[in-house]
């Protein structure tokens, strides 16, 4: 359950980071701030049961990979061989940390 919170927090991070480009007025700023608060609430909640360093690394890594993928597939950023290799390395590192970390029993 705690890893699900980290996963959802990472997805929400991708949303708020990409929404910053479109936050040109008060309502969009409010939505962005709500998404930021929700993602941090979820990661803080999960960190009470998971090692904080690992949970935060997975959270930030998901956000980084997801934001790059949104830039490539939605905003037309260029995709290069080196980007693919580096994204794969990030994903392997994120999955490796997640799979080798034990969760506290609640």
C-alpha atoms as a PDB file:
ATOM      1  CA  UNK A   1       0.000   0.000   0.000  1.00  0.00           C
ATOM      2  CA  UNK A   2       2.845   2.403   0.814  1.00  0.00           C
ATOM      3  CA  UNK A   3       4.491   1.862  -2.570  1.00  0.00           C
ATOM      4  CA  UNK A   4       1.157   2.631  -4.209  1.00  0.00           C
ATOM      5  CA  UNK A   5       1.181   5.984  -2.381  1.00  0.00           C
ATOM      6  CA  UNK A   6       4.682   6.649  -3.722  1.00  0.00           C
ATOM      7  CA  UNK A   7       3.564   5.685  -7.236  1.00  0.00           C
ATOM      8  CA  UNK A   8       0.492   7.950  -7.119  1.00  0.00           C
ATOM      9  CA  UNK A   9       2.590  10.777  -5.637  1.00  0.00           C
ATOM     10  CA  UNK A  10       5.022  10.362  -8.559  1.00  0.00           C
ATOM     11  CA  UNK A  11       2.192  10.548 -11.092  1.00  0.00           C
ATOM     12  CA  UNK A  12       0.835  13.664  -9.412  1.00  0.00           C
ATOM     13  CA  UNK A  13       4.333  15.161  -9.440  1.00  0.00           C
ATOM     14  CA  UNK A  14       4.466  14.701 -13.207  1.00  0.00           C
ATOM     15  CA  UNK A  15       1.119  16.505 -13.443  1.00  0.00           C
ATOM     16  CA  UNK A  16       2.150  19.492 -11.327  1.00  0.00           C
ATOM     17  CA  UNK A  17       5.560  19.870 -12.936  1.00  0.00           C
ATOM     18  CA  UNK A  18       4.085  19.864 -16.435  1.00  0.00           C
ATOM     19  CA  UNK A  19       1.231  22.155 -15.341  1.00  0.00           C
ATOM     20  CA  UNK A  20       3.711  24.834 -14.258  1.00  0.00           C
ATOM     21  CA  UNK A  21       4.147  25.769 -17.947  1.00  0.00           C
ATOM     22  CA  UNK A  22       0.426  26.507 -18.142  1.00  0.00           C
ATOM     23  CA  UNK A  23      -0.044  28.280 -14.812  1.00  0.00           C
ATOM     24  CA  UNK A  24      -0.623  31.764 -16.191  1.00  0.00           C
ATOM     25  CA  UNK A  25      -3.519  32.802 -13.980  1.00  0.00           C
ATOM     26  CA  UNK A  26      -4.787  32.368 -10.422  1.00  0.00           C
ATOM     27  CA  UNK A  27      -7.014  29.298 -11.029  1.00  0.00           C
ATOM     28  CA  UNK A  28      -4.203  27.327 -12.701  1.00  0.00           C
ATOM     29  CA  UNK A  29      -1.781  28.344  -9.932  1.00  0.00           C
ATOM     30  CA  UNK A  30      -4.280  27.087  -7.363  1.00  0.00           C
ATOM     31  CA  UNK A  31      -4.601  23.747  -9.179  1.00  0.00           C
ATOM     32  CA  UNK A  32      -0.809  23.463  -9.348  1.00  0.00           C
ATOM     33  CA  UNK A  33      -0.461  24.221  -5.624  1.00  0.00           C
ATOM     34  CA  UNK A  34      -3.137  21.640  -4.763  1.00  0.00           C
ATOM     35  CA  UNK A  35      -1.298  19.014  -6.828  1.00  0.00           C
ATOM     36  CA  UNK A  36       1.985  19.891  -5.089  1.00  0.00           C
ATOM     37  CA  UNK A  37       0.360  19.583  -1.653  1.00  0.00           C
ATOM     38  CA  UNK A  38      -1.281  16.258  -2.553  1.00  0.00           C
ATOM     39  CA  UNK A  39       1.923  14.732  -3.900  1.00  0.00           C
ATOM     40  CA  UNK A  40       3.894  15.790  -0.835  1.00  0.00           C
ATOM     41  CA  UNK A  41       1.166  14.537   1.500  1.00  0.00           C
ATOM     42  CA  UNK A  42       1.310  11.105  -0.148  1.00  0.00           C
ATOM     43  CA  UNK A  43       5.113  10.876  -0.098  1.00  0.00           C
ATOM     44  CA  UNK A  44       5.250  12.026   3.538  1.00  0.00           C
ATOM     45  CA  UNK A  45       2.608   9.471   4.482  1.00  0.00           C
ATOM     46  CA  UNK A  46       4.465   6.659   2.709  1.00  0.00           C
ATOM     47  CA  UNK A  47       7.766   7.746   4.280  1.00  0.00           C
ATOM     48  CA  UNK A  48       6.413   6.881   7.710  1.00  0.00           C
ATOM     49  CA  UNK A  49       6.555   3.203   6.685  1.00  0.00           C
ATOM     50  CA  UNK A  50       9.346   3.166   4.102  1.00  0.00           C
ATOM     51  CA  UNK A  51      12.940   4.385   4.292  1.00  0.00           C
ATOM     52  CA  UNK A  52      12.643   8.078   3.483  1.00  0.00           C
ATOM     53  CA  UNK A  53      15.687   8.151   1.195  1.00  0.00           C
ATOM     54  CA  UNK A  54      14.435   5.303  -0.948  1.00  0.00           C
ATOM     55  CA  UNK A  55      10.826   6.521  -1.064  1.00  0.00           C
ATOM     56  CA  UNK A  56      11.912  10.033  -2.011  1.00  0.00           C
ATOM     57  CA  UNK A  57      14.358   8.769  -4.642  1.00  0.00           C
ATOM     58  CA  UNK A  58      11.658   6.644  -6.275  1.00  0.00           C
ATOM     59  CA  UNK A  59       9.230   9.595  -6.120  1.00  0.00           C
ATOM     60  CA  UNK A  60      11.658  12.066  -7.685  1.00  0.00           C
ATOM     61  CA  UNK A  61      12.904   9.525 -10.226  1.00  0.00           C
ATOM     62  CA  UNK A  62       9.366   8.798 -11.370  1.00  0.00           C
ATOM     63  CA  UNK A  63       8.739  12.510 -11.677  1.00  0.00           C
ATOM     64  CA  UNK A  64      11.902  13.052 -13.697  1.00  0.00           C
ATOM     65  CA  UNK A  65      11.282  10.158 -16.090  1.00  0.00           C
ATOM     66  CA  UNK A  66       7.602  11.010 -16.469  1.00  0.00           C
ATOM     67  CA  UNK A  67       8.262  14.689 -17.097  1.00  0.00           C
ATOM     68  CA  UNK A  68      10.841  13.902 -19.784  1.00  0.00           C
ATOM     69  CA  UNK A  69       8.392  11.474 -21.439  1.00  0.00           C
ATOM     70  CA  UNK A  70       5.596  14.079 -21.364  1.00  0.00           C
ATOM     71  CA  UNK A  71       7.985  16.608 -22.934  1.00  0.00           C
ATOM     72  CA  UNK A  72       8.864  14.116 -25.679  1.00  0.00           C
ATOM     73  CA  UNK A  73       5.415  12.740 -26.478  1.00  0.00           C
ATOM     74  CA  UNK A  74       3.201  15.760 -25.739  1.00  0.00           C
ATOM     75  CA  UNK A  75       5.380  18.820 -26.278  1.00  0.00           C
ATOM     76  CA  UNK A  76       7.534  17.505 -29.133  1.00  0.00           C
ATOM     77  CA  UNK A  77      10.925  17.507 -27.415  1.00  0.00           C
ATOM     78  CA  UNK A  78      13.572  15.553 -29.295  1.00  0.00           C
ATOM     79  CA  UNK A  79      14.226  11.904 -28.508  1.00  0.00           C
ATOM     80  CA  UNK A  80      17.812  10.767 -28.861  1.00  0.00           C
ATOM     81  CA  UNK A  81      19.607   7.487 -28.303  1.00  0.00           C
ATOM     82  CA  UNK A  82      21.428   8.915 -25.280  1.00  0.00           C
ATOM     83  CA  UNK A  83      18.125  10.075 -23.723  1.00  0.00           C
ATOM     84  CA  UNK A  84      16.664   6.593 -24.155  1.00  0.00           C
ATOM     85  CA  UNK A  85      19.703   4.967 -22.526  1.00  0.00           C
ATOM     86  CA  UNK A  86      19.710   7.428 -19.625  1.00  0.00           C
ATOM     87  CA  UNK A  87      15.959   7.030 -19.067  1.00  0.00           C
ATOM     88  CA  UNK A  88      16.378   3.248 -19.037  1.00  0.00           C
ATOM     89  CA  UNK A  89      19.158   3.589 -16.448  1.00  0.00           C
ATOM     90  CA  UNK A  90      16.914   5.792 -14.295  1.00  0.00           C
ATOM     91  CA  UNK A  91      14.034   3.324 -14.550  1.00  0.00           C
ATOM     92  CA  UNK A  92      16.305   0.385 -13.669  1.00  0.00           C
ATOM     93  CA  UNK A  93      17.624   2.305 -10.658  1.00  0.00           C
ATOM     94  CA  UNK A  94      14.129   3.265  -9.498  1.00  0.00           C
ATOM     95  CA  UNK A  95      12.816  -0.289  -9.830  1.00  0.00           C
ATOM     96  CA  UNK A  96      15.939  -1.711  -8.209  1.00  0.00           C
ATOM     97  CA  UNK A  97      15.583   0.543  -5.161  1.00  0.00           C
ATOM     98  CA  UNK A  98      11.894  -0.215  -4.859  1.00  0.00           C
ATOM     99  CA  UNK A  99      12.365  -3.986  -5.122  1.00  0.00           C
ATOM    100  CA  UNK A 100      15.231  -4.149  -2.626  1.00  0.00           C
ATOM    101  CA  UNK A 101      13.574  -2.042   0.072  1.00  0.00           C
ATOM    102  CA  UNK A 102      11.489  -3.669   2.748  1.00  0.00           C
ATOM    103  CA  UNK A 103       8.356  -1.991   4.039  1.00  0.00           C
ATOM    104  CA  UNK A 104       7.567  -1.653   7.743  1.00  0.00           C
ATOM    105  CA  UNK A 105       4.533  -3.587   8.840  1.00  0.00           C
ATOM    106  CA  UNK A 106       1.738  -1.213   9.827  1.00  0.00           C
END
